[in-house]
N, C-alpha and C. Protein backbone atom coordinates (compact mmCIF):
# COMPACT_ATOMS: atom_id res chain seq x y z
N UNK A 1 -8.01 -7.43 2.32
CA UNK A 1 -7.60 -6.16 1.77
C UNK A 1 -8.66 -5.63 0.79
N UNK A 2 -9.36 -6.54 0.14
CA UNK A 2 -10.40 -6.10 -0.80
C UNK A 2 -11.49 -5.30 -0.10
N UNK A 3 -11.81 -5.68 1.15
CA UNK A 3 -12.83 -4.95 1.89
C UNK A 3 -12.34 -3.55 2.24
N UNK A 4 -11.05 -3.43 2.56
CA UNK A 4 -10.48 -2.13 2.90
C UNK A 4 -10.53 -1.21 1.68
N UNK A 5 -10.13 -1.73 0.54
CA UNK A 5 -10.13 -0.93 -0.69
C UNK A 5 -11.56 -0.53 -1.07
N UNK A 6 -12.48 -1.46 -0.94
CA UNK A 6 -13.88 -1.15 -1.27
C UNK A 6 -14.43 -0.06 -0.36
N UNK A 7 -14.09 -0.13 0.93
CA UNK A 7 -14.58 0.89 1.87
C UNK A 7 -13.92 2.24 1.60
N UNK A 8 -12.63 2.25 1.27
CA UNK A 8 -11.95 3.50 0.91
C UNK A 8 -12.62 4.12 -0.30
N UNK A 9 -12.92 3.32 -1.30
CA UNK A 9 -13.58 3.83 -2.50
C UNK A 9 -14.97 4.36 -2.21
N UNK A 10 -15.70 3.67 -1.34
CA UNK A 10 -17.03 4.13 -0.97
C UNK A 10 -16.97 5.47 -0.25
N UNK A 11 -16.01 5.61 0.65
CA UNK A 11 -15.85 6.87 1.36
C UNK A 11 -15.40 7.99 0.43
N UNK A 12 -14.57 7.68 -0.54
CA UNK A 12 -14.13 8.68 -1.50
C UNK A 12 -15.30 9.17 -2.35
N UNK A 13 -16.15 8.24 -2.76
CA UNK A 13 -17.32 8.61 -3.55
C UNK A 13 -18.27 9.49 -2.72
N UNK A 14 -18.47 9.10 -1.46
CA UNK A 14 -19.34 9.88 -0.59
C UNK A 14 -18.76 11.26 -0.33
N UNK A 15 -17.44 11.36 -0.15
CA UNK A 15 -16.79 12.64 0.09
C UNK A 15 -16.96 13.56 -1.11
N UNK A 16 -16.91 13.00 -2.30
CA UNK A 16 -17.05 13.79 -3.51
C UNK A 16 -18.49 14.28 -3.69
N UNK A 17 -19.45 13.45 -3.31
CA UNK A 17 -20.86 13.77 -3.54
C UNK A 17 -21.48 14.62 -2.45
N UNK A 18 -21.27 14.25 -1.18
CA UNK A 18 -21.99 14.92 -0.11
C UNK A 18 -21.15 15.30 1.09
N UNK A 19 -19.92 14.87 1.16
CA UNK A 19 -19.06 15.19 2.29
C UNK A 19 -19.08 14.08 3.33
N UNK A 20 -18.09 14.13 4.21
CA UNK A 20 -17.94 13.09 5.23
C UNK A 20 -18.09 13.70 6.63
N UNK A 21 -18.57 12.87 7.55
CA UNK A 21 -18.62 13.28 8.95
C UNK A 21 -17.24 13.12 9.56
N UNK A 22 -17.06 13.62 10.78
CA UNK A 22 -15.77 13.50 11.47
C UNK A 22 -15.39 12.04 11.68
N UNK A 23 -16.38 11.21 12.00
CA UNK A 23 -16.10 9.77 12.19
C UNK A 23 -15.65 9.12 10.89
N UNK A 24 -16.29 9.49 9.80
CA UNK A 24 -15.94 8.92 8.50
C UNK A 24 -14.56 9.40 8.06
N UNK A 25 -14.22 10.63 8.37
CA UNK A 25 -12.87 11.12 8.05
C UNK A 25 -11.81 10.33 8.81
N UNK A 26 -12.08 10.06 10.07
CA UNK A 26 -11.16 9.27 10.88
C UNK A 26 -11.04 7.86 10.34
N UNK A 27 -12.17 7.26 9.97
CA UNK A 27 -12.16 5.91 9.40
C UNK A 27 -11.38 5.88 8.09
N UNK A 28 -11.61 6.89 7.24
CA UNK A 28 -10.92 6.96 5.96
C UNK A 28 -9.41 7.05 6.16
N UNK A 29 -8.97 7.91 7.09
CA UNK A 29 -7.55 8.05 7.35
C UNK A 29 -6.94 6.75 7.89
N UNK A 30 -7.68 6.06 8.77
CA UNK A 30 -7.20 4.80 9.32
C UNK A 30 -7.09 3.73 8.23
N UNK A 31 -8.10 3.66 7.36
CA UNK A 31 -8.07 2.67 6.28
C UNK A 31 -6.97 2.97 5.27
N UNK A 32 -6.76 4.24 4.98
CA UNK A 32 -5.68 4.61 4.07
C UNK A 32 -4.33 4.20 4.65
N UNK A 33 -4.15 4.41 5.96
CA UNK A 33 -2.89 4.04 6.60
C UNK A 33 -2.68 2.53 6.54
N UNK A 34 -3.75 1.75 6.74
CA UNK A 34 -3.67 0.29 6.64
C UNK A 34 -3.24 -0.11 5.23
N UNK A 35 -3.86 0.53 4.22
CA UNK A 35 -3.54 0.21 2.83
C UNK A 35 -2.09 0.57 2.50
N UNK A 36 -1.65 1.75 2.91
CA UNK A 36 -0.28 2.18 2.61
C UNK A 36 0.74 1.28 3.30
N UNK A 37 0.50 0.94 4.56
CA UNK A 37 1.41 0.06 5.29
C UNK A 37 1.49 -1.32 4.63
N UNK A 38 0.36 -1.83 4.17
CA UNK A 38 0.34 -3.12 3.49
C UNK A 38 1.12 -3.05 2.17
N UNK A 39 0.92 -1.97 1.44
CA UNK A 39 1.60 -1.78 0.16
C UNK A 39 3.12 -1.73 0.37
N UNK A 40 3.55 -0.97 1.37
CA UNK A 40 4.98 -0.87 1.67
C UNK A 40 5.56 -2.21 2.08
N UNK A 41 4.83 -2.95 2.91
CA UNK A 41 5.32 -4.26 3.36
C UNK A 41 5.46 -5.22 2.19
N UNK A 42 4.51 -5.20 1.27
CA UNK A 42 4.60 -6.06 0.09
C UNK A 42 5.77 -5.67 -0.80
N UNK A 43 6.01 -4.38 -0.95
CA UNK A 43 7.13 -3.92 -1.77
C UNK A 43 8.46 -4.32 -1.14
N UNK A 44 8.60 -4.15 0.16
CA UNK A 44 9.83 -4.54 0.86
C UNK A 44 10.06 -6.04 0.71
N UNK A 45 9.01 -6.83 0.87
CA UNK A 45 9.15 -8.28 0.74
C UNK A 45 9.60 -8.66 -0.67
N UNK A 46 9.06 -7.98 -1.67
CA UNK A 46 9.44 -8.26 -3.04
C UNK A 46 10.90 -7.88 -3.28
N UNK A 47 11.32 -6.74 -2.77
CA UNK A 47 12.70 -6.30 -2.97
C UNK A 47 13.68 -7.17 -2.21
N UNK A 48 13.28 -7.71 -1.07
CA UNK A 48 14.17 -8.59 -0.32
C UNK A 48 14.42 -9.91 -1.04
N UNK A 49 13.55 -10.26 -1.97
CA UNK A 49 13.71 -11.49 -2.74
C UNK A 49 14.16 -11.22 -4.17
N UNK A 50 14.75 -10.04 -4.39
CA UNK A 50 15.20 -9.65 -5.72
C UNK A 50 16.71 -9.76 -5.80
N UNK A 51 17.19 -10.32 -6.89
CA UNK A 51 18.62 -10.48 -7.11
C UNK A 51 19.00 -9.80 -8.41
N UNK A 52 20.21 -9.25 -8.43
CA UNK A 52 20.79 -8.66 -9.64
C UNK A 52 21.69 -9.72 -10.25
N UNK A 53 21.50 -9.99 -11.54
CA UNK A 53 22.32 -10.98 -12.23
C UNK A 53 23.32 -10.25 -13.10
N UNK A 54 24.61 -10.47 -12.84
CA UNK A 54 25.68 -9.87 -13.62
C UNK A 54 25.80 -10.58 -14.97
N UNK A 55 26.48 -9.94 -15.92
CA UNK A 55 26.67 -10.59 -17.23
C UNK A 55 27.37 -11.94 -17.16
N UNK A 56 28.20 -12.15 -16.12
CA UNK A 56 28.90 -13.44 -16.01
C UNK A 56 28.03 -14.50 -15.32
N UNK A 57 26.82 -14.14 -14.93
CA UNK A 57 25.89 -15.11 -14.36
C UNK A 57 25.83 -15.14 -12.84
N UNK A 58 26.66 -14.34 -12.18
CA UNK A 58 26.63 -14.32 -10.71
C UNK A 58 25.45 -13.50 -10.23
N UNK A 59 24.89 -13.92 -9.11
CA UNK A 59 23.73 -13.23 -8.53
C UNK A 59 24.14 -12.48 -7.29
N UNK A 60 23.58 -11.28 -7.14
CA UNK A 60 23.83 -10.45 -5.96
C UNK A 60 22.49 -9.98 -5.42
N UNK A 61 22.32 -10.16 -4.15
CA UNK A 61 21.09 -9.71 -3.51
C UNK A 61 21.10 -8.18 -3.40
N UNK A 62 19.93 -7.56 -3.55
CA UNK A 62 19.85 -6.12 -3.37
C UNK A 62 20.20 -5.75 -1.94
N UNK A 63 20.88 -4.61 -1.78
CA UNK A 63 21.29 -4.15 -0.46
C UNK A 63 20.44 -2.95 -0.05
N UNK A 64 20.24 -2.82 1.25
CA UNK A 64 19.55 -1.65 1.78
C UNK A 64 20.48 -0.46 1.74
N UNK A 65 19.96 0.71 1.45
CA UNK A 65 20.79 1.91 1.47
C UNK A 65 20.65 2.61 2.78
């Protein structure tokens, strides 16, 4: 994932300074989608392992809405 983030940052810097080609725009969009999907998957995994503890000490797993 570090390589993906580094490449996204490099493309962002290039876009700000000189602009991107059509291929680079496509690569940037693909890398951003990979990053967002990974972020969402990590968040879902964290929430699936989260429990609410009541004042009486009972634990309840978070439910999907």
